[in-house]
Protein backbone atom coordinates (compact mmCIF):
# COMPACT_ATOMS: atom_id res chain seq x y z
CA MET A 1 215.83 -85.00 86.23
CA THR A 2 216.72 -83.04 83.16
CA THR A 3 214.82 -80.43 81.22
CA ASN A 4 213.23 -80.53 77.79
CA ASN A 5 216.53 -80.40 75.88
CA ASP A 6 218.04 -82.97 78.20
CA GLN A 7 220.18 -80.21 79.72
CA VAL A 8 221.22 -80.06 83.37
CA PHE A 9 221.34 -76.50 84.67
CA LEU A 10 224.08 -75.79 87.18
CA THR A 11 225.63 -72.73 88.76
CA LYS A 12 229.35 -72.27 88.23
CA LYS A 13 229.95 -73.49 91.81
CA GLY A 14 227.66 -76.48 91.29
CA LEU A 15 229.62 -77.48 88.18
CA GLU A 16 232.90 -77.16 90.06
CA ASP A 17 231.53 -79.25 92.94
CA LEU A 18 230.45 -82.07 90.57
CA LYS A 19 233.84 -82.03 88.80
CA LYS A 20 235.58 -82.18 92.19
CA GLU A 21 233.42 -85.12 93.28
CA LEU A 22 234.09 -86.94 90.01
CA LYS A 23 237.85 -86.44 90.34
CA GLU A 24 237.81 -87.68 93.96
CA LEU A 25 235.80 -90.78 93.07
CA ALA A 26 237.73 -91.66 89.90
CA GLU A 27 241.25 -90.88 91.10
CA THR A 28 241.10 -91.80 94.79
CA ARG A 29 238.05 -93.77 95.89
CA LYS A 30 237.78 -96.23 92.96
CA PRO A 31 241.48 -97.24 93.04
CA GLU A 32 241.23 -97.75 96.84
CA LEU A 33 238.20 -99.99 96.39
CA ILE A 34 239.88 -102.00 93.60
CA LYS A 35 242.78 -102.70 95.99
CA ARG A 36 240.32 -103.61 98.76
CA VAL A 37 238.51 -106.07 96.46
CA ALA A 38 241.84 -107.66 95.50
CA ARG A 39 242.89 -108.01 99.17
CA ALA A 40 239.51 -109.43 100.15
CA ARG A 41 239.70 -111.95 97.28
CA ASP A 42 242.87 -113.33 98.89
CA PHE A 43 240.94 -114.15 102.09
CA GLY A 44 239.64 -117.34 100.56
CA ASP A 45 236.19 -118.72 99.72
CA LEU A 46 234.33 -115.85 98.02
CA SER A 47 230.89 -117.33 98.75
CA GLU A 48 231.38 -116.74 102.48
CA ASN A 49 233.61 -113.67 102.29
CA ALA A 50 231.65 -110.69 103.65
CA GLU A 51 234.57 -108.31 103.13
CA TYR A 52 234.76 -109.24 99.44
CA ALA A 53 230.99 -108.83 98.98
CA ASN A 54 231.03 -105.49 100.78
CA ALA A 55 234.01 -104.18 98.77
CA ARG A 56 232.40 -105.26 95.47
CA GLU A 57 229.15 -103.56 96.44
CA GLU A 58 230.93 -100.29 97.30
CA LEU A 59 232.93 -100.46 94.09
CA SER A 60 229.76 -100.97 92.10
CA PHE A 61 228.15 -97.96 93.79
CA VAL A 62 231.19 -95.74 93.09
CA GLU A 63 231.33 -96.85 89.45
CA GLY A 64 227.62 -96.04 89.10
CA ARG A 65 228.09 -92.60 90.61
CA ILE A 66 231.07 -91.93 88.32
CA ALA A 67 228.94 -92.82 85.29
CA GLU A 68 226.11 -90.61 86.55
CA LEU A 69 228.46 -87.65 87.09
CA GLU A 70 230.06 -88.08 83.66
CA ASP A 71 226.60 -88.06 82.08
CA LEU A 72 225.60 -84.96 84.06
CA LEU A 73 228.73 -83.09 83.05
CA VAL A 74 228.10 -83.83 79.37
CA LYS A 75 224.60 -82.37 79.70
CA ALA A 76 225.63 -79.47 81.99
CA LYS A 77 224.73 -75.93 81.05
CA VAL A 78 226.13 -73.25 83.35
CA ILE A 79 223.60 -70.70 84.56
CA VAL A 80 224.76 -67.20 83.77
CA GLU A 81 224.13 -65.10 86.85
CA ASP A 82 222.58 -61.81 85.81
CA HIS A 83 222.27 -59.48 88.80
CA ASN A 84 220.67 -56.73 86.73
CA HIS A 85 217.68 -58.81 85.64
CA LYS A 86 214.30 -57.28 86.47
CA SER A 87 212.44 -60.60 86.70
CA VAL A 88 213.17 -63.93 88.33
CA ILE A 89 215.30 -66.23 86.17
CA LEU A 90 217.34 -69.36 86.78
CA GLY A 91 220.25 -68.21 88.93
CA SER A 92 218.32 -65.38 90.64
CA ARG A 93 218.48 -64.72 94.35
CA VAL A 94 214.95 -63.79 95.35
CA THR A 95 213.70 -62.23 98.54
CA VAL A 96 210.04 -63.05 99.18
CA LYS A 97 207.60 -62.30 101.96
CA VAL A 98 205.15 -64.97 103.14
CA ASN A 99 203.03 -64.91 106.29
CA GLY A 100 204.80 -61.75 107.43
CA GLN A 101 208.26 -63.26 107.19
CA LYS A 102 210.99 -62.63 104.64
CA HIS A 103 212.89 -65.50 103.05
CA ILE A 104 215.71 -65.45 100.53
CA PHE A 105 215.85 -68.23 97.93
CA ASN A 106 218.34 -69.03 95.20
CA VAL A 107 216.66 -70.43 92.09
CA VAL A 108 218.92 -73.23 90.82
CA GLY A 109 218.77 -76.30 88.59
CA GLU A 110 217.32 -79.57 89.90
CA TRP A 111 220.68 -81.16 90.73
CA GLU A 112 221.68 -78.31 93.04
CA ALA A 113 218.35 -77.93 94.81
CA ASP A 114 218.76 -77.97 98.57
CA PRO A 115 215.63 -76.60 100.30
CA ILE A 116 217.26 -76.63 103.73
CA ASN A 117 219.84 -74.16 102.43
CA LYS A 118 217.19 -72.13 100.55
CA LYS A 119 218.25 -73.38 97.10
CA ILE A 120 215.05 -74.17 95.23
CA SER A 121 214.75 -75.90 91.89
CA HIS A 122 213.38 -73.94 88.96
CA SER A 123 211.05 -76.91 88.42
CA SER A 124 209.71 -77.01 92.00
CA PRO A 125 206.22 -75.57 92.60
CA LEU A 126 207.68 -72.39 94.16
CA GLY A 127 210.46 -72.14 91.57
CA LYS A 128 207.99 -72.45 88.71
CA ALA A 129 205.68 -69.87 90.28
CA LEU A 130 208.51 -67.35 90.77
CA LEU A 131 210.07 -67.59 87.29
CA GLY A 132 209.34 -64.47 85.28
CA LYS A 133 207.92 -62.53 88.24
CA LYS A 134 209.00 -58.98 89.11
CA SER A 135 209.33 -57.14 92.42
CA GLY A 136 205.88 -56.58 93.89
CA ASP A 137 204.31 -59.58 92.11
CA LYS A 138 202.40 -62.13 94.17
CA VAL A 139 202.32 -65.88 93.55
CA GLU A 140 200.21 -68.58 95.12
CA VAL A 141 201.74 -71.99 95.79
CA GLU A 142 200.05 -75.12 97.09
CA ALA A 143 201.81 -76.43 100.20
CA PRO A 144 200.99 -79.28 102.59
CA ALA A 145 199.63 -76.66 104.99
CA GLY A 146 197.46 -75.13 102.29
CA LYS A 147 197.81 -72.36 99.72
CA LEU A 148 200.58 -69.86 100.49
CA THR A 149 200.89 -66.42 98.91
CA TYR A 150 204.42 -65.18 98.32
CA THR A 151 205.22 -61.54 97.48
CA VAL A 152 208.42 -60.90 95.53
CA VAL A 153 210.32 -58.23 97.45
CA LYS A 154 213.70 -58.14 95.74
CA ILE A 155 215.52 -59.88 92.87
CA GLU A 156 219.30 -60.12 92.67
């Protein structure tokens, strides 16, 4: 899920959120799970110890997520928000009109994309179509319901 240069684009808030998650997992969750594994080991026969198996599985998941977050943070490039930009760029807040309705989207990197909260990835079909567009431009995007035409109303 990275771009050509193997960079991960994040907003300043997105970077802070990932750092916060990493700290929580590494400093709180992982030590708790290590203690849980040790306690479960004391319950006896490991081959029939569901608590031990469950604790090991959770620990493995947390260690994997920690490794993933560390890798992401090494590759992270913070998006500089430029509110005076005349065309859509990564980090733009874009107001579009489609089918008579206005929608506001934030164009973000792939790791922060959250369509329910109107955060669209710069590599999504709509994100790709909007990049470089100016107010008044129209873009067509293939959707499950067919081709939709979006008109760029405002760029922040």
